């Protein structure tokens, strides 16, 4: 908010102290529009980083793969190289962790059966079929834990209380700590 206020003050002072009277009306409008755009951009950038993490250091996985196998979801996050399937990937079983407010494209695959990636609380539902790839967009607004339930296909159900996995939505700071910690562990 401070950056926005300072930017607006500078724009007003620039208009008052320059010889804008010598420019034609189109040039004045372009100059003012560019200055207002800069103010709005400064405001959006400073408001978008409320987590306290410098945006330049914010390293997200480029891709997430959700693979259904043995009646559960297994997740793989691309590592620092940004390539899914390389040695620096982070893998988890039955727990998908994501930071709040960040949009991810998740690649859905299956090794053995037809699965449904279903989380009613997040309004997610997509199918995973062996030898095919499907995509799902995920963006969660608030931190919390959400169940990945078994949607019945061909009448099969997991025993009561069994889940196919969980989605854990963390703050950006908590997700960054967790992801960095996973990258340093030898058995990922």
Protein backbone atom coordinates (compact mmCIF):
# COMPACT_ATOMS: atom_id res chain seq x y z
CA UNK A 1 0.00 0.00 0.00
CA UNK A 2 2.90 2.32 0.78
CA UNK A 3 4.44 1.69 -2.65
CA UNK A 4 1.11 2.50 -4.31
CA UNK A 5 0.74 5.76 -2.34
CA UNK A 6 4.32 6.84 -3.10
CA UNK A 7 3.87 6.01 -6.81
CA UNK A 8 0.67 8.06 -7.03
CA UNK A 9 2.36 10.98 -5.26
CA UNK A 10 5.27 10.84 -7.73
CA UNK A 11 2.87 10.76 -10.70
CA UNK A 12 1.02 13.83 -9.42
CA UNK A 13 4.27 15.72 -8.80
CA UNK A 14 5.58 14.78 -12.26
CA UNK A 15 2.44 16.13 -13.91
CA UNK A 16 2.58 19.36 -11.86
CA UNK A 17 6.30 20.05 -12.33
CA UNK A 18 6.85 19.14 -15.97
CA UNK A 19 5.97 21.13 -18.98
CA UNK A 20 3.09 18.90 -19.99
CA UNK A 21 1.39 21.94 -21.52
CA UNK A 22 3.69 21.66 -24.55
CA UNK A 23 2.56 18.07 -25.37
CA UNK A 24 -0.54 17.30 -27.41
CA UNK A 25 -3.48 15.60 -25.71
CA UNK A 26 -2.68 12.08 -27.02
CA UNK A 27 0.87 12.24 -25.68
CA UNK A 28 -0.39 13.47 -22.29
CA UNK A 29 -2.90 10.62 -22.12
CA UNK A 30 -0.23 8.03 -22.99
CA UNK A 31 2.17 9.40 -20.34
CA UNK A 32 -0.53 9.46 -17.66
CA UNK A 33 -1.77 5.97 -18.64
CA UNK A 34 1.76 4.54 -18.41
CA UNK A 35 2.30 6.14 -15.01
CA UNK A 36 -1.04 4.86 -13.70
CA UNK A 37 -0.26 1.38 -15.08
CA UNK A 38 3.09 1.47 -13.26
CA UNK A 39 1.35 2.46 -10.02
CA UNK A 40 -1.20 -0.32 -10.34
CA UNK A 41 1.53 -2.84 -11.18
CA UNK A 42 3.57 -1.75 -8.15
CA UNK A 43 0.49 -2.14 -5.98
CA UNK A 44 -0.30 -5.61 -7.34
CA UNK A 45 3.27 -6.87 -6.90
CA UNK A 46 3.53 -5.68 -3.32
CA UNK A 47 0.07 -6.99 -2.40
CA UNK A 48 0.74 -10.34 -4.09
CA UNK A 49 3.70 -11.08 -1.82
CA UNK A 50 2.12 -11.09 1.62
CA UNK A 51 3.88 -14.33 2.57
CA UNK A 52 7.18 -12.55 3.25
CA UNK A 53 9.03 -14.72 0.72
CA UNK A 54 10.92 -12.66 -1.89
CA UNK A 55 9.26 -13.36 -5.23
CA UNK A 56 12.65 -13.85 -6.93
CA UNK A 57 13.46 -16.73 -4.55
CA UNK A 58 10.06 -18.41 -4.83
CA UNK A 59 10.81 -21.70 -6.58
CA UNK A 60 7.76 -23.79 -7.41
CA UNK A 61 7.74 -27.18 -9.02
CA UNK A 62 7.00 -26.71 -12.71
CA UNK A 63 4.88 -29.84 -12.97
CA UNK A 64 3.02 -32.27 -10.73
CA UNK A 65 2.14 -35.79 -11.73
CA UNK A 66 -0.62 -37.73 -9.95
CA UNK A 67 -0.33 -41.44 -10.67
CA UNK A 68 -2.97 -43.93 -9.59
CA UNK A 69 -1.55 -47.31 -8.62
CA UNK A 70 -2.37 -50.01 -6.10
CA UNK A 71 -5.58 -48.21 -5.08
CA UNK A 72 -3.90 -44.96 -4.10
CA UNK A 73 -2.49 -41.74 -5.51
CA UNK A 74 1.27 -41.22 -5.79
CA UNK A 75 2.57 -37.74 -6.53
CA UNK A 76 5.74 -36.52 -8.22
CA UNK A 77 6.86 -32.87 -8.24
CA UNK A 78 9.44 -31.69 -10.74
CA UNK A 79 12.69 -30.66 -9.07
CA UNK A 80 14.91 -27.63 -9.70
CA UNK A 81 15.58 -28.65 -13.32
CA UNK A 82 11.84 -28.34 -14.07
CA UNK A 83 11.76 -31.75 -15.79
CA UNK A 84 9.37 -34.38 -14.53
CA UNK A 85 10.91 -37.85 -14.33
CA UNK A 86 14.49 -36.79 -13.56
CA UNK A 87 16.61 -37.63 -10.51
CA UNK A 88 15.81 -34.42 -8.63
CA UNK A 89 12.03 -35.00 -8.47
CA UNK A 90 10.20 -35.05 -5.12
CA UNK A 91 7.79 -37.96 -4.59
CA UNK A 92 5.05 -38.50 -2.04
CA UNK A 93 2.52 -41.26 -1.46
CA UNK A 94 -1.13 -40.37 -0.92
CA UNK A 95 -0.42 -36.73 0.04
CA UNK A 96 -0.53 -33.87 -2.44
CA UNK A 97 0.83 -30.66 -0.92
CA UNK A 98 0.26 -27.35 -2.68
CA UNK A 99 0.65 -23.71 -1.67
CA UNK A 100 -2.45 -21.56 -1.34
CA UNK A 101 -3.36 -19.29 -4.22
CA UNK A 102 -1.02 -20.88 -6.78
CA UNK A 103 -2.41 -22.50 -9.92
CA UNK A 104 -1.01 -25.91 -10.89
CA UNK A 105 -1.61 -28.18 -13.84
CA UNK A 106 -1.61 -31.75 -12.62
CA UNK A 107 -0.94 -34.59 -15.05
CA UNK A 108 -3.14 -37.58 -14.21
CA UNK A 109 -1.96 -41.09 -15.09
CA UNK A 110 -2.77 -44.64 -14.03
CA UNK A 111 -0.60 -47.75 -13.86
CA UNK A 112 -3.25 -50.40 -13.27
CA UNK A 113 -6.94 -49.40 -13.01
CA UNK A 114 -9.26 -46.57 -13.94
CA UNK A 115 -9.16 -43.99 -11.14
CA UNK A 116 -11.11 -40.84 -10.43
CA UNK A 117 -9.22 -37.95 -8.85
CA UNK A 118 -12.08 -36.69 -6.72
CA UNK A 119 -12.13 -34.02 -4.02
CA UNK A 120 -15.65 -32.60 -3.65
CA UNK A 121 -14.55 -29.87 -1.19
CA UNK A 122 -12.25 -28.40 -3.88
CA UNK A 123 -14.69 -29.17 -6.71
CA UNK A 124 -12.20 -31.49 -8.42
CA UNK A 125 -13.11 -34.53 -10.44
CA UNK A 126 -11.14 -36.02 -13.31
CA UNK A 127 -10.41 -39.52 -14.55
CA UNK A 128 -7.09 -41.36 -14.92
CA UNK A 129 -6.90 -44.28 -17.36
CA UNK A 130 -3.93 -46.57 -18.05
CA UNK A 131 -1.88 -45.51 -21.10
CA UNK A 132 -3.69 -42.14 -21.32
CA UNK A 133 -2.85 -38.77 -19.81
CA UNK A 134 -5.41 -36.30 -18.50
CA UNK A 135 -4.84 -32.85 -17.03
CA UNK A 136 -6.46 -31.12 -14.10
CA UNK A 137 -6.08 -27.51 -12.99
CA UNK A 138 -5.81 -26.94 -9.26
CA UNK A 139 -5.83 -23.65 -7.37
CA UNK A 140 -6.71 -23.62 -3.67
CA UNK A 141 -7.65 -20.44 -1.88
CA UNK A 142 -7.35 -21.35 1.77
CA UNK A 143 -5.06 -23.63 3.80
CA UNK A 144 -6.49 -26.90 5.05
CA UNK A 145 -6.66 -30.67 4.52
CA UNK A 146 -9.03 -32.20 2.00
CA UNK A 147 -9.80 -35.87 1.30
CA UNK A 148 -9.25 -37.58 -2.05
CA UNK A 149 -12.14 -39.97 -1.99
CA UNK A 150 -12.72 -43.17 -3.93
CA UNK A 151 -15.35 -42.64 -6.57
CA UNK A 152 -16.90 -46.00 -7.39
CA UNK A 153 -16.04 -47.48 -10.78
CA UNK A 154 -17.45 -50.87 -11.66
CA UNK A 155 -18.86 -51.13 -8.13
CA UNK A 156 -15.48 -51.24 -6.32
CA UNK A 157 -15.10 -49.30 -3.07
CA UNK A 158 -12.33 -49.05 -0.51
CA UNK A 159 -13.17 -50.22 3.02
CA UNK A 160 -14.90 -47.59 5.22
CA UNK A 161 -12.49 -44.90 6.42
CA UNK A 162 -9.93 -45.64 3.68
CA UNK A 163 -8.96 -42.76 1.41
CA UNK A 164 -7.04 -42.64 -1.84
CA UNK A 165 -5.10 -39.69 -0.52
CA UNK A 166 -5.23 -36.16 0.82
CA UNK A 167 -4.69 -32.66 -0.53
CA UNK A 168 -2.90 -30.44 1.97
CA UNK A 169 -3.00 -26.74 1.18
CA UNK A 170 -0.20 -24.85 2.96
CA UNK A 171 0.75 -21.22 3.15
CA UNK A 172 3.46 -20.33 0.62
CA UNK A 173 6.03 -20.12 3.41
CA UNK A 174 5.14 -23.56 4.83
CA UNK A 175 5.05 -25.14 1.38
CA UNK A 176 8.46 -23.69 0.52
CA UNK A 177 9.97 -25.07 3.72
CA UNK A 178 8.43 -28.48 3.13
CA UNK A 179 9.51 -28.60 -0.54
CA UNK A 180 13.08 -27.52 0.23
CA UNK A 181 13.25 -30.10 3.04
CA UNK A 182 12.03 -32.84 0.65
CA UNK A 183 14.71 -31.92 -1.89
CA UNK A 184 17.48 -32.34 0.69
CA UNK A 185 16.31 -35.77 1.89
CA UNK A 186 18.22 -38.68 0.32
CA UNK A 187 15.17 -40.98 -0.04
CA UNK A 188 12.68 -38.94 -1.98
